[in-house]
Protein backbone atom coordinates (compact mmCIF):
# COMPACT_ATOMS: atom_id res chain seq x y z
CA MET A 1 -33.08 44.70 88.18
CA SER A 2 -31.80 48.02 88.97
CA PHE A 3 -33.76 48.40 92.02
CA PHE A 4 -32.27 45.36 93.34
CA PHE A 5 -28.84 47.09 92.36
CA GLY A 6 -29.41 50.23 93.61
CA LEU A 7 -30.61 48.61 97.08
CA VAL A 8 -27.69 46.40 97.41
CA VAL A 9 -25.51 49.35 96.71
CA GLY A 10 -27.30 51.52 99.27
CA LEU A 11 -26.81 48.77 101.97
CA VAL A 12 -22.88 48.47 101.03
CA VAL A 13 -22.81 52.13 101.12
CA GLY A 14 -24.64 52.45 104.58
CA LEU A 15 -22.63 49.94 106.10
CA GLY A 16 -19.46 51.34 104.84
CA LEU A 17 -20.78 54.70 106.77
CA ILE A 18 -21.51 52.83 109.90
CA VAL A 19 -17.93 51.39 109.89
CA ALA A 20 -16.38 54.46 109.32
CA PHE A 21 -18.49 56.22 111.66
CA VAL A 22 -17.84 53.56 114.65
CA ARG A 23 -14.22 53.57 113.96
CA SER A 24 -14.11 57.68 114.06
CA GLU A 25 -15.86 57.68 117.23
CA ASN A 26 -13.61 54.77 118.54
CA GLY A 27 -10.46 57.04 117.46
CA ARG A 28 -12.06 60.06 119.05
CA SER A 29 -12.83 58.09 122.19
CA LYS A 30 -9.32 56.84 122.47
CA LEU A 31 -7.75 60.32 121.91
CA ARG A 32 -9.81 62.04 124.41
CA SER A 33 -8.83 59.30 126.99
CA GLN A 34 -5.30 60.10 125.79
CA LEU A 35 -5.95 63.48 126.37
CA ALA A 36 -7.67 63.10 129.78
CA ASN A 37 -4.55 60.98 130.96
CA THR A 38 -2.12 63.87 130.06
CA VAL A 39 -4.33 66.14 131.57
CA ALA A 40 -4.33 64.59 134.89
CA ALA A 41 -0.76 64.00 134.44
CA PHE A 42 -0.25 67.71 134.12
CA ALA A 43 -2.41 68.40 137.21
CA ARG A 44 -0.32 66.27 139.35
CA MET A 45 2.77 68.05 138.42
CA THR A 46 4.97 70.07 140.82
CA VAL A 47 6.76 73.11 140.38
CA GLU A 48 9.93 71.12 140.21
CA ASP A 49 8.20 68.94 137.32
CA SER A 50 7.25 71.78 135.10
CA LYS A 51 10.77 73.03 135.50
CA LYS A 52 12.77 69.91 134.65
CA ILE A 53 10.25 70.35 131.15
CA LEU A 54 10.92 73.65 130.47
CA PRO A 55 14.45 75.07 130.94
CA PRO A 56 14.33 78.93 132.98
CA GLN A 57 14.77 80.72 129.45
CA PHE A 58 11.94 79.23 127.64
CA TYR A 59 9.75 79.23 131.05
CA PRO A 60 6.30 81.11 130.13
CA PRO A 61 6.23 84.22 132.39
CA TRP A 62 2.40 83.95 132.51
CA VAL A 63 2.91 80.57 134.19
CA VAL A 64 2.93 81.30 137.56
CA PHE A 65 3.22 79.02 140.62
CA SER A 66 2.76 80.56 143.95
CA GLU A 67 0.89 80.63 147.28
CA LYS A 68 0.09 84.48 147.19
CA GLN A 69 -2.50 85.81 145.35
CA LYS A 70 -2.68 89.25 144.08
CA LEU A 71 -5.09 91.46 145.86
CA THR A 72 -6.14 94.37 143.43
CA TRP A 73 -9.64 93.81 144.41
CA LEU A 74 -8.96 94.12 147.89
CA ASN A 75 -6.83 97.02 147.97
CA GLN A 76 -9.88 98.60 145.78
CA HIS A 77 -12.54 97.92 148.31
CA LEU A 78 -10.33 98.75 151.31
CA THR A 79 -9.61 102.09 149.91
CA LYS A 80 -13.35 102.55 149.59
CA ILE A 81 -13.94 101.94 153.17
CA TRP A 82 -10.91 103.32 154.70
CA PRO A 83 -12.10 105.88 156.56
CA TYR A 84 -14.31 103.77 158.96
CA VAL A 85 -11.55 100.94 159.03
CA ASN A 86 -9.33 103.98 160.08
CA GLU A 87 -11.41 104.90 163.21
CA ALA A 88 -12.14 101.20 164.36
CA ALA A 89 -7.93 100.50 163.79
CA SER A 90 -6.78 103.68 165.67
CA GLU A 91 -8.58 102.94 168.60
CA LEU A 92 -7.80 99.27 168.41
CA ILE A 93 -3.52 100.27 167.99
CA LYS A 94 -3.91 102.79 170.78
CA ALA A 95 -5.54 100.61 173.50
CA SER A 96 -3.17 97.64 172.96
CA VAL A 97 -0.11 99.92 172.30
CA GLU A 98 -0.55 102.53 174.81
CA PRO A 99 -0.30 100.63 177.84
CA VAL A 100 2.78 98.87 176.58
CA LEU A 101 4.16 102.03 175.78
CA GLU A 102 4.02 102.61 179.52
CA GLN A 103 6.08 99.67 180.66
CA TYR A 104 9.15 100.61 178.23
CA ARG A 105 8.73 104.23 179.32
CA PRO A 106 12.47 105.63 180.17
CA ILE A 107 13.48 106.37 183.29
CA VAL A 108 13.77 110.07 182.20
CA LEU A 109 10.15 110.57 181.49
CA SER A 110 7.59 110.25 184.00
CA SER A 111 4.60 109.90 181.12
CA LEU A 112 4.29 108.68 177.57
CA LYS A 113 0.94 108.28 176.00
CA PHE A 114 -0.78 109.20 173.17
CA SER A 115 -2.61 112.14 173.01
CA ARG A 116 -3.56 112.15 169.66
CA PHE A 117 -3.48 108.85 167.16
CA THR A 118 -5.51 108.23 163.51
CA LEU A 119 -3.97 106.60 160.96
CA GLY A 120 -4.78 108.94 158.29
CA THR A 121 -6.30 109.37 155.04
CA ILE A 122 -4.20 106.81 152.78
CA ALA A 123 -5.08 103.23 152.93
CA PRO A 124 -2.65 100.16 153.27
CA GLN A 125 -1.89 98.29 149.84
CA PHE A 126 -1.98 94.28 150.54
CA THR A 127 0.87 92.75 147.92
CA GLY A 128 0.07 89.28 148.64
CA ILE A 129 -1.95 86.58 150.87
CA SER A 130 -1.06 83.05 151.84
CA ILE A 131 -3.40 80.58 152.93
CA ILE A 132 -2.53 77.97 155.47
CA GLU A 133 -4.70 75.33 156.71
CA GLY A 134 -4.70 74.07 159.79
CA GLY A 135 -6.86 71.13 159.43
CA GLU A 136 -9.86 70.64 161.76
CA SER A 137 -8.31 73.16 164.17
CA GLY A 138 -8.35 76.46 161.92
CA ILE A 139 -7.34 78.24 159.14
CA THR A 140 -4.30 80.66 159.17
CA MET A 141 -4.43 83.64 156.69
CA GLU A 142 -1.05 85.92 156.14
CA LEU A 143 -1.21 89.28 154.65
CA GLU A 144 1.87 90.78 152.93
CA MET A 145 1.49 94.74 153.57
CA ASN A 146 3.13 98.03 152.47
CA TRP A 147 1.95 101.49 154.03
CA ASP A 148 3.43 104.91 153.34
CA GLY A 149 0.79 106.55 155.33
CA ASN A 150 0.18 110.45 156.42
CA PRO A 151 -1.03 109.45 160.18
CA ASN A 152 -1.61 112.18 162.79
CA ILE A 153 -0.04 110.43 166.17
CA ILE A 154 1.33 112.76 168.77
CA LEU A 155 3.03 111.70 171.65
CA GLY A 156 2.16 113.75 175.09
CA ILE A 157 5.58 113.53 176.85
CA LYS A 158 6.40 114.59 180.58
CA THR A 159 9.96 115.01 181.69
CA ARG A 160 10.91 113.98 185.50
CA LEU A 161 11.77 117.65 185.38
CA GLY A 162 8.28 118.81 184.82
CA LEU A 163 8.83 119.77 181.38
CA SER A 164 5.81 118.78 178.71
CA LEU A 165 6.82 118.09 174.80
CA PRO A 166 4.25 117.42 172.64
CA VAL A 167 5.93 114.93 169.99
CA GLN A 168 4.70 113.94 166.52
CA VAL A 169 5.74 110.74 164.58
CA LYS A 170 6.00 111.62 161.46
CA ASP A 171 7.27 109.94 157.56
CA LEU A 172 5.90 106.59 158.40
CA GLY A 173 6.66 103.75 156.32
CA PHE A 174 5.97 100.15 157.08
CA THR A 175 6.42 97.19 155.79
CA GLY A 176 5.03 93.37 157.17
CA VAL A 177 3.03 90.63 157.25
CA PHE A 178 -0.03 90.28 159.17
CA ARG A 179 -1.45 86.84 160.39
CA LEU A 180 -5.04 86.18 161.05
CA ILE A 181 -6.17 82.45 162.70
CA PHE A 182 -9.77 81.62 162.20
CA GLN A 183 -10.35 79.29 165.12
CA PRO A 184 -12.16 77.10 165.73
CA LEU A 185 -14.30 76.05 162.88
CA VAL A 186 -17.69 75.51 163.71
CA THR A 187 -20.96 74.77 161.89
CA GLU A 188 -22.22 78.10 162.33
CA PHE A 189 -22.28 80.89 160.59
CA PRO A 190 -19.49 82.48 159.54
CA CYS A 191 -17.93 78.64 160.51
CA PHE A 192 -15.45 80.15 162.80
CA GLY A 193 -15.82 81.20 166.42
CA ALA A 194 -12.97 83.81 166.68
CA VAL A 195 -10.05 85.63 165.19
CA CYS A 196 -6.76 86.12 166.37
CA PHE A 197 -4.87 88.37 164.68
CA SER A 198 -0.76 89.32 165.03
CA LEU A 199 1.93 91.15 163.53
CA ARG A 200 3.59 87.83 161.96
CA GLN A 201 7.17 89.55 160.61
CA LYS A 202 7.98 93.33 160.62
CA LYS A 203 10.42 93.82 157.32
CA LYS A 204 10.78 97.84 157.85
CA MET A 205 9.73 100.19 159.91
CA ASP A 206 10.39 103.97 159.66
CA PHE A 207 9.89 106.99 161.10
CA THR A 208 10.82 110.32 162.72
CA LEU A 209 9.82 112.40 165.63
CA LYS A 210 9.69 116.11 165.68
CA VAL A 211 8.49 118.38 168.88
CA ILE A 212 5.88 120.43 167.72
CA GLY A 213 7.36 124.04 167.47
CA GLY A 214 10.83 122.43 168.23
CA ASP A 215 13.56 120.27 167.29
CA ILE A 216 13.53 117.27 169.91
CA SER A 217 17.48 116.47 168.85
CA LYS A 218 18.75 119.21 171.02
CA ILE A 219 17.27 117.52 173.68
CA PRO A 220 20.29 115.01 174.68
CA GLY A 221 19.14 111.02 174.83
CA ILE A 222 15.31 111.98 174.61
CA SER A 223 14.95 110.89 171.15
CA ASP A 224 16.64 107.88 170.87
CA ALA A 225 15.09 106.51 173.94
CA ILE A 226 11.71 107.60 172.96
CA GLU A 227 12.25 106.02 169.56
CA GLY A 228 13.66 102.87 171.05
CA THR A 229 10.57 102.94 173.06
CA ILE A 230 8.14 102.97 170.26
CA ARG A 231 9.94 100.22 168.31
CA ASP A 232 9.78 97.86 171.29
CA ALA A 233 6.55 98.37 172.33
CA ILE A 234 5.07 97.96 168.94
CA GLU A 235 7.30 94.77 168.64
CA ASP A 236 5.86 93.21 172.17
CA ALA A 237 2.73 94.53 171.69
CA ILE A 238 1.22 93.19 168.49
CA THR A 239 4.19 91.35 167.07
CA TRP A 240 3.61 87.28 167.08
CA PRO A 241 3.72 85.28 169.11
CA THR A 242 1.45 87.94 171.11
CA ARG A 243 -1.88 87.71 169.66
CA LYS A 244 -4.91 89.57 170.25
CA VAL A 245 -8.45 87.20 170.32
CA ILE A 246 -11.89 88.83 169.05
CA PRO A 247 -14.61 86.55 169.76
CA ILE A 248 -16.86 86.11 167.09
CA ILE A 249 -19.39 83.48 168.35
CA PRO A 250 -19.95 83.73 172.18
CA GLY A 251 -17.71 81.16 173.97
CA ASP A 252 -14.72 80.77 176.17
CA TYR A 253 -11.84 81.39 173.63
CA SER A 254 -8.76 81.77 176.87
CA TYR A 255 -7.37 78.88 174.98
CA LEU A 256 -6.44 80.83 172.35
CA GLU A 257 -3.99 83.36 174.02
CA LEU A 258 -0.48 83.48 174.75
CA LYS A 259 0.75 81.20 177.30
CA PRO A 260 4.14 79.94 178.26
CA VAL A 261 5.19 76.92 176.39
CA GLY A 262 8.45 76.33 177.97
CA THR A 263 11.93 77.87 179.50
CA LEU A 264 15.02 78.78 178.30
CA GLU A 265 17.85 78.26 180.76
CA VAL A 266 21.09 80.63 179.65
CA LYS A 267 24.26 80.95 180.99
CA LEU A 268 25.73 84.23 179.91
CA VAL A 269 29.69 82.80 180.11
CA GLN A 270 32.16 85.87 178.48
CA ALA A 271 32.67 87.88 175.61
CA LYS A 272 35.77 88.86 174.15
CA ASP A 273 37.83 91.59 171.80
CA LEU A 274 34.58 94.12 172.67
CA THR A 275 34.94 97.70 171.06
CA ASN A 276 36.47 100.07 173.17
CA LYS A 277 34.52 103.43 173.65
CA ASP A 278 36.22 104.80 176.39
CA LEU A 279 39.11 107.66 175.64
CA ILE A 280 40.44 106.69 179.04
CA GLY A 281 40.84 103.25 179.79
CA LYS A 282 38.73 100.36 178.34
CA SER A 283 34.79 100.02 178.46
CA ASP A 284 33.05 99.19 181.54
CA PRO A 285 30.91 95.97 179.66
CA PHE A 286 27.28 94.53 180.98
CA ALA A 287 24.60 92.56 178.89
CA GLU A 288 21.11 93.02 178.75
CA LEU A 289 19.68 89.97 177.86
CA TYR A 290 15.66 89.12 176.71
CA ILE A 291 13.07 87.11 174.95
CA ARG A 292 10.53 89.83 174.95
CA PRO A 293 11.77 93.27 175.70
CA LEU A 294 9.26 93.73 178.45
CA ARG A 295 10.94 95.64 181.27
CA ASP A 296 10.28 92.94 184.06
CA ARG A 297 11.56 90.18 181.43
CA ILE A 298 14.74 92.01 180.55
CA LYS A 299 17.87 90.48 182.91
CA THR A 300 20.80 92.41 183.02
CA SER A 301 24.39 91.35 184.16
CA LYS A 302 26.65 92.59 186.36
CA THR A 303 29.35 95.41 185.17
CA ILE A 304 32.89 94.42 184.78
CA ASN A 305 35.16 97.54 185.03
CA ASN A 306 37.76 98.26 182.26
CA ASP A 307 38.05 95.30 180.57
CA LEU A 308 37.07 94.10 176.59
CA ASN A 309 37.27 90.61 177.61
CA PRO A 310 34.58 90.00 180.47
CA ILE A 311 33.59 87.07 182.27
CA TRP A 312 30.47 87.00 183.52
CA ASN A 313 29.67 82.91 184.36
CA GLU A 314 25.85 84.10 185.33
CA HIS A 315 22.88 82.01 184.70
CA TYR A 316 19.22 83.60 183.81
CA GLU A 317 15.68 81.75 183.10
CA PHE A 318 13.17 83.10 180.39
CA VAL A 319 9.57 82.07 179.72
CA VAL A 320 9.07 80.84 176.26
CA GLU A 321 5.54 81.31 174.56
CA ASP A 322 6.68 80.09 170.84
CA ALA A 323 10.13 78.03 170.69
CA SER A 324 9.57 78.02 166.54
CA THR A 325 9.52 81.91 165.91
CA GLN A 326 11.03 83.39 169.30
CA HIS A 327 14.75 84.07 169.72
CA LEU A 328 17.10 85.40 172.70
CA VAL A 329 18.52 88.50 172.20
CA VAL A 330 21.85 89.58 173.80
CA LYS A 331 23.02 93.17 173.59
CA ILE A 332 26.48 94.53 175.43
CA PHE A 333 26.78 98.11 176.66
CA ASP A 334 29.24 100.16 177.77
CA ASP A 335 28.25 101.67 181.39
CA GLU A 336 28.77 104.88 181.23
CA GLY A 337 27.59 105.85 184.73
CA LEU A 338 25.21 108.74 184.69
CA GLN A 339 24.82 109.10 181.19
CA ALA A 340 22.91 106.65 178.71
CA SER A 341 24.86 103.69 178.33
CA GLU A 342 26.14 102.88 174.70
CA LEU A 343 25.71 100.09 172.75
CA LEU A 344 28.91 97.70 171.83
CA GLY A 345 27.02 94.91 169.73
CA CYS A 346 23.93 92.98 170.30
CA ALA A 347 23.22 89.28 168.79
CA GLN A 348 20.29 86.78 168.59
CA VAL A 349 19.86 83.07 168.83
CA GLN A 350 16.61 81.63 167.22
CA LEU A 351 14.76 79.03 169.63
CA ARG A 352 13.96 76.72 167.10
CA GLU A 353 17.87 76.10 166.55
CA LEU A 354 17.55 74.49 170.00
CA GLN A 355 17.34 70.96 170.77
CA PRO A 356 15.10 70.18 173.22
CA GLY A 357 16.75 68.99 176.63
CA LYS A 358 20.17 69.69 175.18
CA VAL A 359 22.64 71.76 175.98
CA LYS A 360 24.05 74.14 173.09
CA ASP A 361 27.27 76.14 173.63
CA VAL A 362 27.57 78.98 170.99
CA TRP A 363 29.85 81.66 170.30
CA LEU A 364 27.80 84.47 168.63
CA ASN A 365 29.61 87.36 166.60
CA LEU A 366 28.28 90.73 167.92
CA VAL A 367 26.68 92.97 164.93
CA LYS A 368 25.55 96.58 165.26
CA ASP A 369 21.76 96.16 164.29
CA LEU A 370 19.99 93.00 164.23
CA GLU A 371 17.76 93.96 161.39
CA VAL A 372 20.08 96.13 158.88
CA GLN A 373 23.23 94.76 158.85
CA ARG A 374 25.31 98.00 157.50
CA ASP A 375 28.99 97.03 157.98
CA ASN A 376 30.90 94.11 158.83
CA LYS A 377 32.81 95.95 161.44
CA SER A 378 34.37 93.32 164.28
CA ARG A 379 32.65 94.10 167.46
CA GLY A 380 33.62 91.12 169.36
CA LYS A 381 32.05 87.85 170.35
CA VAL A 382 29.83 86.88 173.08
CA HIS A 383 29.71 83.35 174.37
CA LEU A 384 26.45 81.34 175.74
CA GLU A 385 25.09 78.01 177.10
CA LEU A 386 21.58 77.15 176.15
CA LEU A 387 19.11 75.20 177.11
CA TYR A 388 15.28 74.46 176.07
CA PHE A 389 12.96 72.80 178.09
CA PRO A 390 9.62 72.40 176.74
CA PHE A 391 6.92 71.53 179.26
CA GLU A 392 5.72 68.50 177.08
CA MET A 393 8.58 67.01 178.12
CA GLU A 394 7.37 66.62 181.58
CA ASN A 395 6.84 63.00 181.62
CA VAL A 396 10.08 62.17 180.41
CA ASN A 397 11.79 64.91 182.60
CA PRO A 398 11.81 64.40 186.43
CA PHE A 399 11.96 68.22 187.15
CA ALA A 400 8.54 70.25 187.64
CA PRO A 401 8.58 73.34 184.70
CA SER A 402 7.84 75.32 187.36
CA VAL A 403 11.19 75.09 189.18
CA SER A 404 13.60 77.56 188.31
CA MET A 405 16.87 75.31 187.38
CA THR A 406 20.09 76.18 185.63
CA SER A 407 21.28 73.87 182.69
CA LEU A 408 23.33 71.66 184.94
CA GLU A 409 20.66 71.05 187.54
CA LYS A 410 18.07 69.82 184.67
CA ILE A 411 20.21 67.16 183.64
CA LEU A 412 22.46 65.89 186.19
CA LYS A 413 21.92 62.56 189.07
CA SER A 414 23.13 63.05 191.92
CA GLY A 415 25.92 60.91 193.47
CA ASP A 416 23.66 57.92 194.36
CA GLY A 417 21.64 57.97 191.24
CA THR A 418 18.63 59.41 191.79
CA GLU A 419 17.48 62.44 190.43
CA ILE A 420 17.28 66.15 191.86
CA ALA A 421 13.54 66.56 191.44
CA ASP A 422 12.91 69.56 193.65
CA ALA A 423 15.98 71.79 193.98
CA ARG A 424 15.87 75.00 193.41
CA ARG A 425 18.95 77.29 191.51
CA LYS A 426 19.56 79.19 194.70
CA ASP A 427 19.62 76.36 197.22
CA ILE A 428 22.09 73.86 195.01
CA ILE A 429 25.64 73.25 195.82
CA ILE A 430 27.14 70.93 193.31
CA ARG A 431 30.66 69.80 195.20
CA GLY A 432 33.19 67.51 193.82
CA VAL A 433 37.09 66.73 192.82
CA LEU A 434 37.81 68.31 189.24
CA SER A 435 40.99 66.24 187.99
CA VAL A 436 42.48 68.40 185.70
CA THR A 437 45.68 66.53 182.88
CA VAL A 438 47.42 69.26 181.07
CA ILE A 439 48.24 67.06 178.13
CA SER A 440 50.28 69.13 175.53
CA ALA A 441 50.49 72.24 173.84
CA GLU A 442 50.84 73.09 169.87
CA ASP A 443 51.62 75.98 167.54
CA LEU A 444 52.08 78.48 170.36
CA PRO A 445 53.58 81.82 169.26
CA SER A 446 57.33 82.54 169.66
CA VAL A 447 58.40 85.10 172.09
CA ASP A 448 62.33 84.56 172.48
CA LEU A 449 64.41 86.18 170.62
CA MET A 450 65.41 82.76 168.97
CA GLY A 451 62.22 82.09 167.82
CA LYS A 452 61.41 79.84 170.93
CA SER A 453 59.21 80.06 173.81
CA ASP A 454 59.83 78.69 177.43
CA PRO A 455 55.99 77.64 178.20
CA PHE A 456 54.08 76.64 181.31
CA VAL A 457 50.22 76.68 182.28
CA ILE A 458 48.60 77.87 185.07
CA LEU A 459 45.58 76.50 186.11
CA ILE A 460 43.16 78.75 188.14
CA MET A 461 39.61 78.11 189.85
CA LYS A 462 38.16 81.54 189.30
CA LYS A 463 35.47 81.68 192.02
CA ALA A 464 37.78 79.83 194.33
CA GLY A 465 40.96 81.27 193.59
CA THR A 466 42.98 78.08 193.91
CA ARG A 467 45.97 78.02 191.35
CA ASN A 468 48.47 75.34 190.31
CA GLN A 469 51.36 75.32 187.57
CA THR A 470 53.07 73.04 185.34
CA ARG A 471 56.49 73.05 184.57
CA VAL A 472 58.48 74.81 182.43
CA VAL A 473 59.12 73.23 178.77
CA ASN A 474 62.38 74.77 177.77
CA ASP A 475 62.63 75.84 173.79
CA SER A 476 59.45 74.36 172.68
CA LEU A 477 56.14 75.73 170.75
CA ASN A 478 54.78 72.22 171.06
CA PRO A 479 55.51 71.43 174.63
CA VAL A 480 54.48 68.19 176.21
CA TRP A 481 53.49 68.31 179.91
CA ASN A 482 50.92 65.33 180.77
CA GLN A 483 50.94 67.01 184.69
CA THR A 484 47.54 66.40 186.61
CA PHE A 485 46.12 68.24 189.37
CA ASP A 486 43.01 68.08 191.39
CA PHE A 487 40.89 70.67 192.93
CA VAL A 488 38.27 70.75 195.12
CA VAL A 489 35.37 72.30 193.97
CA GLU A 490 32.34 73.63 196.28
CA ASP A 491 30.20 75.04 193.88
CA GLY A 492 30.41 73.54 190.66
CA LEU A 493 27.69 75.19 189.09
CA HIS A 494 29.15 78.48 189.40
CA GLU A 495 32.84 77.45 189.06
CA MET A 496 34.98 78.29 185.99
CA LEU A 497 38.35 77.07 185.08
CA ILE A 498 40.97 78.78 183.70
CA ALA A 499 44.13 77.71 182.14
CA GLU A 500 46.91 80.45 181.08
CA VAL A 501 50.08 80.17 179.15
CA TRP A 502 52.75 81.91 180.33
CA ASP A 503 56.35 82.22 178.58
CA HIS A 504 59.10 81.63 181.38
CA ASP A 505 61.88 84.17 181.35
CA THR A 506 64.85 84.76 183.41
CA PHE A 507 63.78 88.07 184.64
CA GLY A 508 60.23 86.82 185.16
CA LYS A 509 57.40 85.94 182.46
CA ASP A 510 55.31 87.03 179.71
CA TYR A 511 51.57 86.08 179.01
CA MET A 512 50.57 84.28 175.79
CA GLY A 513 46.79 83.55 176.19
CA ARG A 514 44.49 81.63 178.15
CA CYS A 515 41.21 78.94 177.60
CA ILE A 516 38.05 79.90 179.73
CA LEU A 517 35.97 76.56 180.56
CA THR A 518 32.90 76.08 182.42
CA LEU A 519 32.39 72.86 184.27
CA THR A 520 28.97 71.92 182.44
CA LYS A 521 30.74 69.25 180.36
CA VAL A 522 32.75 67.49 182.31
CA ILE A 523 30.15 67.13 185.69
CA VAL A 524 27.64 66.05 182.86
CA GLU A 525 30.01 63.29 181.02
CA GLY A 526 32.41 62.74 183.79
CA GLU A 527 35.32 62.75 182.03
CA TYR A 528 36.34 64.14 178.55
CA LYS A 529 39.52 65.33 176.58
CA ASP A 530 39.51 68.13 174.00
CA LYS A 531 41.39 70.39 172.25
CA PHE A 532 41.24 74.18 173.28
CA GLU A 533 41.86 77.66 171.17
CA VAL A 534 44.45 79.86 173.40
CA GLU A 535 42.72 83.36 173.68
CA GLY A 536 44.61 86.09 172.83
CA ALA A 537 47.54 84.60 171.53
CA LYS A 538 48.19 84.65 167.51
CA SER A 539 48.27 80.86 167.43
CA GLY A 540 48.26 77.98 169.76
CA SER A 541 46.18 75.54 171.35
CA LEU A 542 46.18 73.42 174.68
CA TYR A 543 44.95 69.80 175.13
CA LEU A 544 43.59 69.09 178.42
CA SER A 545 41.75 66.02 180.00
CA LEU A 546 38.85 66.77 182.56
CA LYS A 547 37.42 63.97 185.02
CA TRP A 548 35.11 64.74 187.78
CA ILE A 549 34.44 62.77 190.53
CA PRO A 550 31.02 64.02 192.15
CA GLN A 551 30.45 64.27 196.15
CA PRO A 552 26.80 64.59 197.65
CA ILE A 553 24.80 67.22 196.11
CA TYR A 554 23.57 69.65 199.45
CA ARG A 555 20.90 72.41 199.69
CA ASP A 556 21.53 75.52 201.38
CA SER A 557 19.92 75.93 204.22
CA THR A 558 20.25 79.50 204.59
């Protein structure tokens, strides 16, 4: 009897243990499944998602989401192998920069070369790395680097007067981002055919120049000229989009080299409120424009003597290699004759801000330095019209990319509706009749003692010299004219309309201000009305309506 009782108890207890075990396993399985779902959800979280869950004050310092990884291991190994890297890198940089130095050589020098070039014993430190996958075409790596080195760099300089100057580059400090592109990806080891390297971004570059056995600052203009030459040469020799291609596996990698991708058309219209650098009279401004500061690519305007509000209305064309990173630089100088010209101000436009095939009209504030903004002093403004045309728009643009044309020529049609397909800028004559209606003005400054003015407007075609004048509206700061004038325009491409506002006086007239208009918009659109600020006046705007009646476009046979 006790045997059967023990058997029954054992079976009950065994079944109970089995049921408990099964339930426990099912519970653990359910918990594991829930945990797996939770981990998967966290894996899909973005930085923004995590910050929604944890406010900034509770965000753990050990939680870091960054594309850049620390490179302590790389810096340690680089320090060990630096003597070998120094030798190879010194030769490579010298071979890359020295030919460009000759291109930028100041006119006062007959020779500018390295007599010694080593990077020294201090290895650079890499502070971060970013990996940019380019799909099947390649992989891009960007390395951020700091370097306070002790290089041994000596420039051998010869002046036009026969004087030889050994100039040492000292106290070099550099911070920047280098870009390495491994392309194309292949199946053979090391899995890429070539490496392209370039300086993607120059954040800081400081150095001093010292004549061995003397002081270079005692030679007027030489120090600034050489320093500017070095900076421009480095920027153009190794700064993106310039890149050096190093083949790893034998093959043709010419398609990786720097090539033009489009053209930029620029109209330098005018500048205003420039700084006066002359003790007697006013500055004599001229402009330099470039995308790459190569000597043969820098465009220089004519000099406008004794004028702080110069009008140029000049056209230039530039080659673009990388519209996403390149920029147009404009520098305004005061012409000092035989002495070095003095910088009045500079500005730049990022090409990525331009819409391909569309004209952009911009006023740019001039600054002292494009890299370091040290003051907020007003240095005037410069007025530009810009048009970027990439070569891939060739299928929708009837103009060949190799043809040099202005912004107007690229988007104009002739009178019978056919595109100008083969015209060159110097051969084009755009003729027509410009009809200008002076509608009204508002908020003009008071000139008379009684707090009023007697305004009238003089319309001037700058190139042709023709002019017309409205009637005088007495005792009004908000005059209405509604007068229309027609001008025969022989060269609309290079013509400008100037609307001067004057105050009539019994014994003469007083100048109030002016509006300067190119004919770009009216020729393209045919007709438009707009409000224009009266430049040079304390206040005031002028309302004009313009209409263009085109005539046949002629090719100059000369």
